[in-house]
Amino acid sequence: MATAQFAGSAPKLRLLTFGTSLTADQRWPFDLAQHLAHCTGRALEARSIAMPGGDSGWGSAHAAQAAATLPDLAVIEFAVNDADLRHGVTLTASSENIRKIVAEIRRRHSRAHILLLATPQVTGFRHWLLRPRLDRYFDQLRDIARTQNVSFVDARPGWQSGLASKRILPAADGLHPDRASLSATLVPLLASASGLCSR
């Protein structure tokens, strides 16, 4: 678990980013925390709990650890690995796991704002072979968000737009985007969805 502190005035905000290699060792959780601290003028504690190769089953098993951070804002992303055929996580199991994570965070902090994140699509023949139903896993997050009173953030349109305009770089390996490009795509979307940066 990585933790970072950002200066500002009280009361302190707590940010949790919880997910896969698209969260672990990435720039966007740090950049998001810095952006939120700046736009709110509040002190912020950012914690990232992420596992390269992790899926929502791993997330469900670590839900109590994530919830113990008592986040005011939690960003959750596991769909990209749930969709990987090698993991054997069905759509039903994925839904159940995500709902368990949401419930555990809410149990510890009932007013937490939870964002379910659909990350950019994978590219390349190998990745599409391994994740033929990826969009169904992403779209299911929208349905979960609707029934669980949480927010759904879809990075796919912005990513495609950025690629088309050449503002961002494609993922060299088809799965893990350039860190700066991923941050440039995710931070504005997540900051807007957080509802914290109205000023």
N, C-alpha and C. Protein backbone atom coordinates (compact mmCIF):
# COMPACT_ATOMS: atom_id res chain seq x y z
N MET A 1 0.85 -1.19 0.00
CA MET A 1 0.00 0.00 0.00
C MET A 1 0.88 1.23 0.00
N ALA A 2 0.69 2.10 -0.96
CA ALA A 2 1.44 3.35 -1.05
C ALA A 2 0.61 4.48 -0.44
N THR A 3 1.28 5.36 0.31
CA THR A 3 0.60 6.48 0.96
C THR A 3 1.35 7.77 0.66
N ALA A 4 0.61 8.83 0.39
CA ALA A 4 1.21 10.15 0.15
C ALA A 4 0.37 11.21 0.84
N GLN A 5 1.03 12.26 1.32
CA GLN A 5 0.36 13.37 2.00
C GLN A 5 0.48 14.63 1.14
N PHE A 6 -0.60 15.39 1.09
CA PHE A 6 -0.61 16.63 0.33
C PHE A 6 -1.06 17.75 1.25
N ALA A 7 -0.31 18.84 1.24
CA ALA A 7 -0.56 19.93 2.18
C ALA A 7 -1.84 20.69 1.85
N GLY A 8 -2.40 21.31 2.85
CA GLY A 8 -3.60 22.11 2.70
C GLY A 8 -4.20 22.36 4.06
N SER A 9 -5.35 22.96 4.08
CA SER A 9 -6.01 23.25 5.35
C SER A 9 -6.99 22.14 5.70
N ALA A 10 -7.34 22.03 6.97
CA ALA A 10 -8.29 21.02 7.44
C ALA A 10 -9.69 21.38 6.96
N PRO A 11 -10.63 20.45 6.92
CA PRO A 11 -10.45 19.05 7.27
C PRO A 11 -9.80 18.25 6.14
N LYS A 12 -9.10 17.20 6.54
CA LYS A 12 -8.36 16.40 5.59
C LYS A 12 -9.30 15.50 4.76
N LEU A 13 -8.98 15.36 3.50
CA LEU A 13 -9.66 14.42 2.62
C LEU A 13 -8.83 13.15 2.51
N ARG A 14 -9.50 12.02 2.35
CA ARG A 14 -8.80 10.75 2.16
C ARG A 14 -9.19 10.17 0.81
N LEU A 15 -8.19 9.88 -0.01
CA LEU A 15 -8.38 9.30 -1.33
C LEU A 15 -7.84 7.88 -1.34
N LEU A 16 -8.63 6.94 -1.86
CA LEU A 16 -8.19 5.56 -2.05
C LEU A 16 -8.26 5.23 -3.53
N THR A 17 -7.18 4.68 -4.08
CA THR A 17 -7.22 4.10 -5.42
C THR A 17 -6.95 2.61 -5.26
N PHE A 18 -7.81 1.79 -5.85
CA PHE A 18 -7.86 0.36 -5.53
C PHE A 18 -8.00 -0.40 -6.85
N GLY A 19 -6.98 -1.18 -7.23
CA GLY A 19 -7.11 -1.85 -8.52
C GLY A 19 -5.94 -2.71 -8.93
N THR A 20 -5.65 -2.66 -10.24
CA THR A 20 -4.74 -3.56 -10.92
C THR A 20 -3.41 -2.86 -11.23
N SER A 21 -2.69 -3.40 -12.21
CA SER A 21 -1.45 -2.74 -12.65
C SER A 21 -1.73 -1.39 -13.29
N LEU A 22 -2.98 -1.13 -13.68
CA LEU A 22 -3.33 0.17 -14.22
C LEU A 22 -3.48 1.22 -13.12
N THR A 23 -3.37 0.78 -11.87
CA THR A 23 -3.34 1.67 -10.70
C THR A 23 -1.99 1.61 -10.00
N ALA A 24 -1.43 0.41 -9.90
CA ALA A 24 -0.15 0.23 -9.20
C ALA A 24 0.98 0.90 -9.96
N ASP A 25 1.81 1.63 -9.24
CA ASP A 25 3.00 2.28 -9.82
C ASP A 25 2.67 3.16 -11.02
N GLN A 26 1.52 3.79 -10.99
CA GLN A 26 1.11 4.70 -12.06
C GLN A 26 1.17 6.14 -11.56
N ARG A 27 1.18 7.07 -12.49
CA ARG A 27 1.20 8.50 -12.13
C ARG A 27 -0.16 9.01 -11.72
N TRP A 28 -1.24 8.45 -12.31
CA TRP A 28 -2.54 9.10 -12.16
C TRP A 28 -3.04 9.18 -10.72
N PRO A 29 -2.81 8.17 -9.85
CA PRO A 29 -3.29 8.36 -8.46
C PRO A 29 -2.61 9.56 -7.78
N PHE A 30 -1.29 9.71 -8.00
CA PHE A 30 -0.57 10.85 -7.42
C PHE A 30 -1.06 12.16 -8.03
N ASP A 31 -1.20 12.17 -9.36
CA ASP A 31 -1.64 13.40 -10.03
C ASP A 31 -3.07 13.78 -9.63
N LEU A 32 -3.93 12.78 -9.47
CA LEU A 32 -5.30 13.05 -9.03
C LEU A 32 -5.31 13.65 -7.64
N ALA A 33 -4.53 13.06 -6.74
CA ALA A 33 -4.47 13.57 -5.36
C ALA A 33 -3.97 15.01 -5.34
N GLN A 34 -2.93 15.28 -6.11
CA GLN A 34 -2.38 16.63 -6.17
C GLN A 34 -3.41 17.61 -6.73
N HIS A 35 -4.13 17.18 -7.76
CA HIS A 35 -5.16 18.03 -8.37
C HIS A 35 -6.28 18.32 -7.37
N LEU A 36 -6.73 17.31 -6.65
CA LEU A 36 -7.81 17.49 -5.69
C LEU A 36 -7.38 18.39 -4.53
N ALA A 37 -6.15 18.20 -4.06
CA ALA A 37 -5.65 19.04 -2.97
C ALA A 37 -5.59 20.50 -3.42
N HIS A 38 -5.17 20.72 -4.67
CA HIS A 38 -5.06 22.08 -5.18
C HIS A 38 -6.43 22.72 -5.36
N CYS A 39 -7.36 21.98 -5.97
CA CYS A 39 -8.65 22.60 -6.30
C CYS A 39 -9.54 22.77 -5.08
N THR A 40 -9.32 21.98 -4.03
CA THR A 40 -10.14 22.11 -2.82
C THR A 40 -9.46 22.97 -1.75
N GLY A 41 -8.13 23.09 -1.83
CA GLY A 41 -7.39 23.80 -0.79
C GLY A 41 -7.35 23.04 0.52
N ARG A 42 -7.63 21.73 0.46
CA ARG A 42 -7.67 20.93 1.68
C ARG A 42 -6.50 19.96 1.73
N ALA A 43 -6.08 19.62 2.94
CA ALA A 43 -5.07 18.58 3.10
C ALA A 43 -5.65 17.27 2.58
N LEU A 44 -4.81 16.45 2.00
CA LEU A 44 -5.30 15.21 1.42
C LEU A 44 -4.32 14.09 1.70
N GLU A 45 -4.85 12.95 2.12
CA GLU A 45 -4.07 11.73 2.31
C GLU A 45 -4.47 10.74 1.22
N ALA A 46 -3.52 10.34 0.40
CA ALA A 46 -3.80 9.42 -0.71
C ALA A 46 -3.19 8.06 -0.43
N ARG A 47 -3.99 7.04 -0.59
CA ARG A 47 -3.50 5.68 -0.42
C ARG A 47 -3.88 4.86 -1.65
N SER A 48 -2.93 4.06 -2.10
CA SER A 48 -3.16 3.21 -3.26
C SER A 48 -2.93 1.75 -2.85
N ILE A 49 -3.94 0.93 -3.08
CA ILE A 49 -3.84 -0.51 -2.84
C ILE A 49 -4.10 -1.18 -4.18
N ALA A 50 -3.07 -1.75 -4.75
CA ALA A 50 -3.20 -2.28 -6.10
C ALA A 50 -2.25 -3.45 -6.30
N MET A 51 -2.67 -4.38 -7.17
CA MET A 51 -1.88 -5.58 -7.44
C MET A 51 -1.80 -5.82 -8.94
N PRO A 52 -0.61 -5.75 -9.52
CA PRO A 52 -0.48 -6.14 -10.92
C PRO A 52 -1.00 -7.57 -11.11
N GLY A 53 -1.89 -7.75 -12.05
CA GLY A 53 -2.51 -9.05 -12.26
C GLY A 53 -3.70 -9.31 -11.37
N GLY A 54 -4.00 -8.39 -10.45
CA GLY A 54 -5.12 -8.58 -9.53
C GLY A 54 -6.45 -8.44 -10.24
N ASP A 55 -7.43 -9.19 -9.78
CA ASP A 55 -8.79 -9.05 -10.29
C ASP A 55 -9.73 -8.74 -9.13
N SER A 56 -11.03 -8.71 -9.40
CA SER A 56 -11.95 -8.32 -8.33
C SER A 56 -12.04 -9.37 -7.23
N GLY A 57 -11.64 -10.60 -7.53
CA GLY A 57 -11.56 -11.60 -6.46
C GLY A 57 -10.49 -11.21 -5.46
N TRP A 58 -9.33 -10.78 -5.96
CA TRP A 58 -8.28 -10.27 -5.09
C TRP A 58 -8.79 -9.02 -4.36
N GLY A 59 -9.48 -8.16 -5.09
CA GLY A 59 -10.01 -6.95 -4.48
C GLY A 59 -11.00 -7.26 -3.37
N SER A 60 -11.85 -8.23 -3.60
CA SER A 60 -12.83 -8.62 -2.59
C SER A 60 -12.13 -9.15 -1.34
N ALA A 61 -11.07 -9.93 -1.55
CA ALA A 61 -10.33 -10.48 -0.41
C ALA A 61 -9.62 -9.40 0.38
N HIS A 62 -9.34 -8.27 -0.25
CA HIS A 62 -8.65 -7.16 0.40
C HIS A 62 -9.58 -5.96 0.65
N ALA A 63 -10.88 -6.21 0.56
CA ALA A 63 -11.85 -5.12 0.74
C ALA A 63 -11.78 -4.51 2.12
N ALA A 64 -11.57 -5.34 3.14
CA ALA A 64 -11.50 -4.81 4.51
C ALA A 64 -10.29 -3.90 4.67
N GLN A 65 -9.16 -4.28 4.07
CA GLN A 65 -7.97 -3.43 4.13
C GLN A 65 -8.22 -2.10 3.43
N ALA A 66 -8.88 -2.16 2.28
CA ALA A 66 -9.20 -0.93 1.55
C ALA A 66 -10.16 -0.06 2.36
N ALA A 67 -11.18 -0.67 2.93
CA ALA A 67 -12.18 0.07 3.68
C ALA A 67 -11.59 0.70 4.93
N ALA A 68 -10.56 0.06 5.48
CA ALA A 68 -9.94 0.55 6.71
C ALA A 68 -9.24 1.89 6.50
N THR A 69 -9.00 2.28 5.25
CA THR A 69 -8.41 3.60 4.99
C THR A 69 -9.45 4.71 5.15
N LEU A 70 -10.71 4.34 5.32
CA LEU A 70 -11.81 5.29 5.53
C LEU A 70 -11.83 6.39 4.46
N PRO A 71 -11.88 6.00 3.19
CA PRO A 71 -11.77 7.01 2.13
C PRO A 71 -13.01 7.89 2.02
N ASP A 72 -12.77 9.17 1.78
CA ASP A 72 -13.86 10.06 1.40
C ASP A 72 -14.18 9.88 -0.08
N LEU A 73 -13.14 9.53 -0.86
CA LEU A 73 -13.29 9.26 -2.28
C LEU A 73 -12.51 7.98 -2.59
N ALA A 74 -13.18 7.01 -3.22
CA ALA A 74 -12.55 5.74 -3.57
C ALA A 74 -12.73 5.49 -5.06
N VAL A 75 -11.64 5.19 -5.75
CA VAL A 75 -11.66 4.84 -7.17
C VAL A 75 -11.33 3.36 -7.28
N ILE A 76 -12.21 2.59 -7.90
CA ILE A 76 -12.07 1.14 -7.98
C ILE A 76 -11.99 0.71 -9.43
N GLU A 77 -10.96 -0.06 -9.80
CA GLU A 77 -10.84 -0.57 -11.17
C GLU A 77 -10.27 -1.99 -11.15
N PHE A 78 -11.09 -2.95 -11.56
CA PHE A 78 -10.65 -4.33 -11.68
C PHE A 78 -11.15 -5.01 -12.96
N ALA A 79 -12.01 -4.35 -13.72
CA ALA A 79 -12.69 -5.02 -14.84
C ALA A 79 -11.73 -5.53 -15.89
N VAL A 80 -10.62 -4.83 -16.12
CA VAL A 80 -9.72 -5.24 -17.18
C VAL A 80 -9.14 -6.63 -16.94
N ASN A 81 -8.93 -7.00 -15.68
CA ASN A 81 -8.43 -8.34 -15.38
C ASN A 81 -9.56 -9.33 -15.14
N ASP A 82 -10.70 -8.87 -14.69
CA ASP A 82 -11.86 -9.77 -14.58
C ASP A 82 -12.20 -10.34 -15.95
N ALA A 83 -12.02 -9.53 -17.00
CA ALA A 83 -12.37 -9.95 -18.35
C ALA A 83 -11.35 -10.90 -18.97
N ASP A 84 -10.19 -11.04 -18.36
CA ASP A 84 -9.14 -11.90 -18.88
C ASP A 84 -9.56 -13.36 -18.67
N LEU A 85 -9.65 -14.12 -19.76
CA LEU A 85 -10.12 -15.50 -19.68
C LEU A 85 -9.28 -16.35 -18.75
N ARG A 86 -8.01 -16.01 -18.59
CA ARG A 86 -7.13 -16.80 -17.72
C ARG A 86 -7.52 -16.70 -16.25
N HIS A 87 -8.24 -15.63 -15.88
CA HIS A 87 -8.63 -15.44 -14.48
C HIS A 87 -9.90 -16.21 -14.13
N GLY A 88 -10.72 -16.51 -15.11
CA GLY A 88 -11.94 -17.27 -14.86
C GLY A 88 -12.97 -16.54 -14.03
N VAL A 89 -12.99 -15.22 -14.08
CA VAL A 89 -13.97 -14.43 -13.32
C VAL A 89 -15.16 -14.15 -14.24
N THR A 90 -16.29 -14.77 -13.95
CA THR A 90 -17.48 -14.56 -14.77
C THR A 90 -18.05 -13.17 -14.53
N LEU A 91 -18.93 -12.75 -15.41
CA LEU A 91 -19.61 -11.47 -15.21
C LEU A 91 -20.35 -11.45 -13.88
N THR A 92 -21.00 -12.56 -13.54
CA THR A 92 -21.73 -12.64 -12.28
C THR A 92 -20.79 -12.52 -11.09
N ALA A 93 -19.67 -13.25 -11.15
CA ALA A 93 -18.71 -13.20 -10.05
C ALA A 93 -18.10 -11.80 -9.93
N SER A 94 -17.81 -11.18 -11.07
CA SER A 94 -17.27 -9.83 -11.06
C SER A 94 -18.23 -8.86 -10.38
N SER A 95 -19.51 -8.95 -10.74
CA SER A 95 -20.52 -8.10 -10.14
C SER A 95 -20.59 -8.32 -8.63
N GLU A 96 -20.59 -9.56 -8.21
CA GLU A 96 -20.68 -9.88 -6.79
C GLU A 96 -19.47 -9.33 -6.04
N ASN A 97 -18.29 -9.47 -6.63
CA ASN A 97 -17.07 -8.98 -5.98
C ASN A 97 -17.08 -7.47 -5.84
N ILE A 98 -17.45 -6.77 -6.91
CA ILE A 98 -17.47 -5.31 -6.87
C ILE A 98 -18.50 -4.82 -5.84
N ARG A 99 -19.65 -5.46 -5.82
CA ARG A 99 -20.67 -5.09 -4.84
C ARG A 99 -20.18 -5.31 -3.41
N LYS A 100 -19.42 -6.38 -3.19
CA LYS A 100 -18.88 -6.64 -1.86
C LYS A 100 -17.88 -5.55 -1.46
N ILE A 101 -17.05 -5.14 -2.41
CA ILE A 101 -16.09 -4.07 -2.13
C ILE A 101 -16.81 -2.78 -1.76
N VAL A 102 -17.82 -2.44 -2.57
CA VAL A 102 -18.61 -1.23 -2.30
C VAL A 102 -19.25 -1.30 -0.92
N ALA A 103 -19.85 -2.45 -0.63
CA ALA A 103 -20.54 -2.61 0.65
C ALA A 103 -19.58 -2.49 1.83
N GLU A 104 -18.38 -3.03 1.68
CA GLU A 104 -17.41 -2.98 2.78
C GLU A 104 -16.93 -1.56 3.01
N ILE A 105 -16.68 -0.82 1.94
CA ILE A 105 -16.28 0.58 2.10
C ILE A 105 -17.40 1.37 2.75
N ARG A 106 -18.63 1.16 2.28
CA ARG A 106 -19.78 1.87 2.84
C ARG A 106 -20.02 1.50 4.31
N ARG A 107 -19.74 0.26 4.65
CA ARG A 107 -19.94 -0.17 6.04
C ARG A 107 -19.02 0.60 6.97
N ARG A 108 -17.78 0.87 6.51
CA ARG A 108 -16.82 1.58 7.34
C ARG A 108 -16.97 3.10 7.25
N HIS A 109 -17.46 3.57 6.09
CA HIS A 109 -17.59 5.03 5.89
C HIS A 109 -18.81 5.25 5.00
N SER A 110 -19.96 5.44 5.62
CA SER A 110 -21.23 5.45 4.88
C SER A 110 -21.32 6.58 3.87
N ARG A 111 -20.54 7.65 4.05
CA ARG A 111 -20.64 8.81 3.16
C ARG A 111 -19.53 8.84 2.10
N ALA A 112 -18.79 7.74 1.98
CA ALA A 112 -17.73 7.68 0.98
C ALA A 112 -18.32 7.83 -0.42
N HIS A 113 -17.64 8.60 -1.26
CA HIS A 113 -18.03 8.73 -2.66
C HIS A 113 -17.19 7.72 -3.44
N ILE A 114 -17.86 6.78 -4.09
CA ILE A 114 -17.19 5.67 -4.75
C ILE A 114 -17.34 5.81 -6.26
N LEU A 115 -16.21 5.70 -6.97
CA LEU A 115 -16.18 5.79 -8.43
C LEU A 115 -15.73 4.44 -9.00
N LEU A 116 -16.56 3.85 -9.84
CA LEU A 116 -16.18 2.62 -10.54
C LEU A 116 -15.62 3.02 -11.90
N LEU A 117 -14.39 2.63 -12.18
CA LEU A 117 -13.66 3.13 -13.34
C LEU A 117 -13.55 2.09 -14.44
N ALA A 118 -13.99 2.47 -15.64
CA ALA A 118 -13.72 1.70 -16.86
C ALA A 118 -12.50 2.32 -17.50
N THR A 119 -11.40 1.58 -17.52
CA THR A 119 -10.14 2.06 -18.06
C THR A 119 -10.14 1.96 -19.59
N PRO A 120 -9.12 2.52 -20.25
CA PRO A 120 -9.08 2.43 -21.72
C PRO A 120 -9.09 0.99 -22.22
N GLN A 121 -9.64 0.80 -23.43
CA GLN A 121 -9.67 -0.53 -24.02
C GLN A 121 -8.26 -1.03 -24.32
N VAL A 122 -8.11 -2.34 -24.28
CA VAL A 122 -6.84 -2.94 -24.70
C VAL A 122 -6.80 -2.98 -26.22
N THR A 123 -5.60 -3.11 -26.76
CA THR A 123 -5.43 -3.21 -28.20
C THR A 123 -4.51 -4.38 -28.51
N GLY A 124 -4.48 -4.77 -29.75
CA GLY A 124 -3.59 -5.87 -30.15
C GLY A 124 -4.30 -7.20 -30.12
N PHE A 125 -3.91 -8.05 -31.04
CA PHE A 125 -4.57 -9.34 -31.25
C PHE A 125 -4.57 -10.21 -29.99
N ARG A 126 -3.40 -10.29 -29.32
CA ARG A 126 -3.29 -11.15 -28.14
C ARG A 126 -4.22 -10.72 -27.04
N HIS A 127 -4.27 -9.42 -26.78
CA HIS A 127 -5.10 -8.94 -25.68
C HIS A 127 -6.58 -9.11 -25.97
N TRP A 128 -6.97 -8.90 -27.22
CA TRP A 128 -8.38 -9.10 -27.54
C TRP A 128 -8.77 -10.57 -27.49
N LEU A 129 -7.83 -11.46 -27.82
CA LEU A 129 -8.11 -12.89 -27.69
C LEU A 129 -8.34 -13.26 -26.23
N LEU A 130 -7.59 -12.64 -25.34
CA LEU A 130 -7.70 -12.95 -23.91
C LEU A 130 -8.89 -12.26 -23.26
N ARG A 131 -9.37 -11.17 -23.85
CA ARG A 131 -10.45 -10.39 -23.25
C ARG A 131 -11.55 -10.10 -24.28
N PRO A 132 -12.17 -11.13 -24.83
CA PRO A 132 -13.14 -10.90 -25.91
C PRO A 132 -14.40 -10.18 -25.46
N ARG A 133 -14.70 -10.21 -24.15
CA ARG A 133 -15.92 -9.57 -23.64
C ARG A 133 -15.61 -8.40 -22.71
N LEU A 134 -14.46 -7.78 -22.93
CA LEU A 134 -14.03 -6.71 -22.03
C LEU A 134 -15.08 -5.61 -21.90
N ASP A 135 -15.66 -5.19 -23.01
CA ASP A 135 -16.64 -4.10 -22.94
C ASP A 135 -17.86 -4.48 -22.11
N ARG A 136 -18.21 -5.76 -22.07
CA ARG A 136 -19.34 -6.18 -21.23
C ARG A 136 -19.01 -6.03 -19.75
N TYR A 137 -17.76 -6.30 -19.39
CA TYR A 137 -17.34 -6.10 -18.00
C TYR A 137 -17.33 -4.62 -17.65
N PHE A 138 -16.85 -3.79 -18.58
CA PHE A 138 -16.87 -2.35 -18.35
C PHE A 138 -18.31 -1.84 -18.24
N ASP A 139 -19.17 -2.26 -19.17
CA ASP A 139 -20.54 -1.77 -19.18
C ASP A 139 -21.31 -2.23 -17.94
N GLN A 140 -20.94 -3.40 -17.42
CA GLN A 140 -21.60 -3.89 -16.21
C GLN A 140 -21.36 -2.96 -15.03
N LEU A 141 -20.20 -2.28 -15.03
CA LEU A 141 -19.92 -1.32 -13.96
C LEU A 141 -20.96 -0.21 -13.93
N ARG A 142 -21.42 0.20 -15.11
CA ARG A 142 -22.47 1.22 -15.17
C ARG A 142 -23.74 0.73 -14.49
N ASP A 143 -24.08 -0.52 -14.72
CA ASP A 143 -25.28 -1.10 -14.10
C ASP A 143 -25.12 -1.21 -12.59
N ILE A 144 -23.94 -1.62 -12.15
CA ILE A 144 -23.69 -1.72 -10.71
C ILE A 144 -23.79 -0.34 -10.07
N ALA A 145 -23.19 0.65 -10.72
CA ALA A 145 -23.22 2.01 -10.19
C ALA A 145 -24.64 2.50 -10.02
N ARG A 146 -25.49 2.19 -10.99
CA ARG A 146 -26.88 2.65 -10.96
C ARG A 146 -27.63 2.05 -9.78
N THR A 147 -27.38 0.79 -9.48
CA THR A 147 -28.13 0.11 -8.41
C THR A 147 -27.51 0.32 -7.04
N GLN A 148 -26.22 0.65 -6.99
CA GLN A 148 -25.54 0.81 -5.70
C GLN A 148 -25.36 2.26 -5.28
N ASN A 149 -25.89 3.19 -6.06
CA ASN A 149 -25.78 4.61 -5.75
C ASN A 149 -24.33 5.06 -5.64
N VAL A 150 -23.53 4.59 -6.61
CA VAL A 150 -22.15 5.05 -6.74
C VAL A 150 -22.00 5.63 -8.14
N SER A 151 -20.82 6.13 -8.48
CA SER A 151 -20.61 6.76 -9.78
C SER A 151 -19.83 5.85 -10.72
N PHE A 152 -20.13 5.97 -12.00
CA PHE A 152 -19.42 5.24 -13.05
C PHE A 152 -18.64 6.25 -13.88
N VAL A 153 -17.36 5.98 -14.07
CA VAL A 153 -16.50 6.85 -14.87
C VAL A 153 -15.95 6.04 -16.03
N ASP A 154 -16.28 6.45 -17.24
CA ASP A 154 -15.90 5.71 -18.44
C ASP A 154 -14.79 6.45 -19.18
N ALA A 155 -13.58 5.91 -19.13
CA ALA A 155 -12.43 6.56 -19.76
C ALA A 155 -12.30 6.21 -21.23
N ARG A 156 -13.12 5.31 -21.75
CA ARG A 156 -12.95 4.84 -23.13
C ARG A 156 -13.15 5.94 -24.17
N PRO A 157 -14.21 6.73 -24.11
CA PRO A 157 -14.38 7.76 -25.14
C PRO A 157 -13.25 8.79 -25.15
N GLY A 158 -12.84 9.24 -23.98
CA GLY A 158 -11.77 10.23 -23.90
C GLY A 158 -10.45 9.67 -24.40
N TRP A 159 -10.21 8.40 -24.13
CA TRP A 159 -8.98 7.76 -24.60
C TRP A 159 -8.97 7.69 -26.13
N GLN A 160 -10.09 7.27 -26.71
CA GLN A 160 -10.16 7.19 -28.17
C GLN A 160 -10.02 8.55 -28.81
N SER A 161 -10.63 9.57 -28.20
CA SER A 161 -10.51 10.93 -28.71
C SER A 161 -9.07 11.41 -28.65
N GLY A 162 -8.39 11.11 -27.54
CA GLY A 162 -7.00 11.51 -27.40
C GLY A 162 -6.09 10.82 -28.39
N LEU A 163 -6.36 9.56 -28.66
CA LEU A 163 -5.57 8.84 -29.67
C LEU A 163 -5.79 9.43 -31.05
N ALA A 164 -7.05 9.72 -31.36
CA ALA A 164 -7.38 10.25 -32.69
C ALA A 164 -6.72 11.60 -32.93
N SER A 165 -6.65 12.42 -31.88
CA SER A 165 -6.06 13.75 -32.02
C SER A 165 -4.55 13.74 -31.78
N LYS A 166 -4.02 12.56 -31.42
CA LYS A 166 -2.60 12.38 -31.13
C LYS A 166 -2.13 13.19 -29.92
N ARG A 167 -3.09 13.51 -29.03
CA ARG A 167 -2.73 14.19 -27.79
C ARG A 167 -2.10 13.23 -26.79
N ILE A 168 -2.39 11.94 -26.95
CA ILE A 168 -1.86 10.93 -26.04
C ILE A 168 -1.23 9.81 -26.86
N LEU A 169 -0.40 9.02 -26.20
CA LEU A 169 0.30 7.94 -26.86
C LEU A 169 -0.44 6.62 -26.68
N PRO A 170 -0.45 5.76 -27.70
CA PRO A 170 -1.09 4.45 -27.54
C PRO A 170 -0.29 3.57 -26.58
N ALA A 171 -0.93 2.54 -26.08
CA ALA A 171 -0.26 1.60 -25.19
C ALA A 171 0.71 0.76 -26.00
N ALA A 172 1.99 0.85 -25.67
CA ALA A 172 3.01 0.14 -26.45
C ALA A 172 2.80 -1.37 -26.41
N ASP A 173 2.36 -1.89 -25.26
CA ASP A 173 2.16 -3.33 -25.15
C ASP A 173 0.69 -3.72 -25.36
N GLY A 174 -0.16 -2.75 -25.69
CA GLY A 174 -1.57 -3.04 -25.92
C GLY A 174 -2.42 -3.06 -24.67
N LEU A 175 -1.78 -3.05 -23.51
CA LEU A 175 -2.52 -3.16 -22.25
C LEU A 175 -2.23 -2.02 -21.28
N HIS A 176 -0.95 -1.64 -21.16
CA HIS A 176 -0.54 -0.63 -20.19
C HIS A 176 -0.20 0.67 -20.91
N PRO A 177 -1.08 1.66 -20.85
CA PRO A 177 -0.82 2.93 -21.53
C PRO A 177 0.39 3.64 -20.97
N ASP A 178 0.96 4.51 -21.79
CA ASP A 178 1.98 5.44 -21.32
C ASP A 178 1.45 6.14 -20.07
N ARG A 179 2.27 6.23 -19.03
CA ARG A 179 1.79 6.73 -17.74
C ARG A 179 1.28 8.17 -17.82
N ALA A 180 1.99 9.01 -18.55
CA ALA A 180 1.55 10.40 -18.66
C ALA A 180 0.24 10.49 -19.42
N SER A 181 0.10 9.68 -20.46
CA SER A 181 -1.13 9.69 -21.25
C SER A 181 -2.31 9.18 -20.43
N LEU A 182 -2.08 8.13 -19.65
CA LEU A 182 -3.15 7.59 -18.81
C LEU A 182 -3.58 8.63 -17.78
N SER A 183 -2.61 9.30 -17.18
CA SER A 183 -2.93 10.33 -16.20
C SER A 183 -3.69 11.49 -16.85
N ALA A 184 -3.24 11.91 -18.02
CA ALA A 184 -3.90 13.02 -18.71
C ALA A 184 -5.34 12.69 -19.05
N THR A 185 -5.63 11.42 -19.27
CA THR A 185 -7.00 10.98 -19.58
C THR A 185 -7.84 10.85 -18.32
N LEU A 186 -7.28 10.23 -17.29
CA LEU A 186 -8.08 9.89 -16.11
C LEU A 186 -8.30 11.03 -15.14
N VAL A 187 -7.29 11.84 -14.90
CA VAL A 187 -7.39 12.85 -13.84
C VAL A 187 -8.55 13.82 -14.05
N PRO A 188 -8.71 14.41 -15.24
CA PRO A 188 -9.86 15.33 -15.40
C PRO A 188 -11.20 14.64 -15.23
N LEU A 189 -11.33 13.41 -15.72
CA LEU A 189 -12.59 12.68 -15.59
C LEU A 189 -12.90 12.39 -14.13
N LEU A 190 -11.92 11.89 -13.40
CA LEU A 190 -12.14 11.52 -12.01
C LEU A 190 -12.34 12.73 -11.13
N ALA A 191 -11.59 13.79 -11.40
CA ALA A 191 -11.77 15.03 -10.62
C ALA A 191 -13.17 15.58 -10.81
N SER A 192 -13.65 15.57 -12.05
CA SER A 192 -15.00 16.05 -12.32
C SER A 192 -16.04 15.17 -11.64
N ALA A 193 -15.86 13.85 -11.73
CA ALA A 193 -16.83 12.92 -11.13
C ALA A 193 -16.82 12.98 -9.61
N SER A 194 -15.70 13.42 -9.03
CA SER A 194 -15.61 13.49 -7.58
C SER A 194 -16.55 14.52 -6.99
N GLY A 195 -16.89 15.56 -7.79
CA GLY A 195 -17.72 16.65 -7.30
C GLY A 195 -17.00 17.58 -6.36
N LEU A 196 -15.68 17.42 -6.23
CA LEU A 196 -14.91 18.22 -5.27
C LEU A 196 -14.31 19.48 -5.88
N CYS A 197 -14.27 19.54 -7.19
CA CYS A 197 -13.53 20.61 -7.86
C CYS A 197 -14.45 21.56 -8.61
N SER A 198 -15.46 22.05 -7.93
CA SER A 198 -16.42 22.94 -8.57
C SER A 198 -15.89 24.35 -8.73
N ARG A 199 -14.86 24.68 -7.96
CA ARG A 199 -14.34 26.06 -8.03
C ARG A 199 -13.06 26.15 -8.86
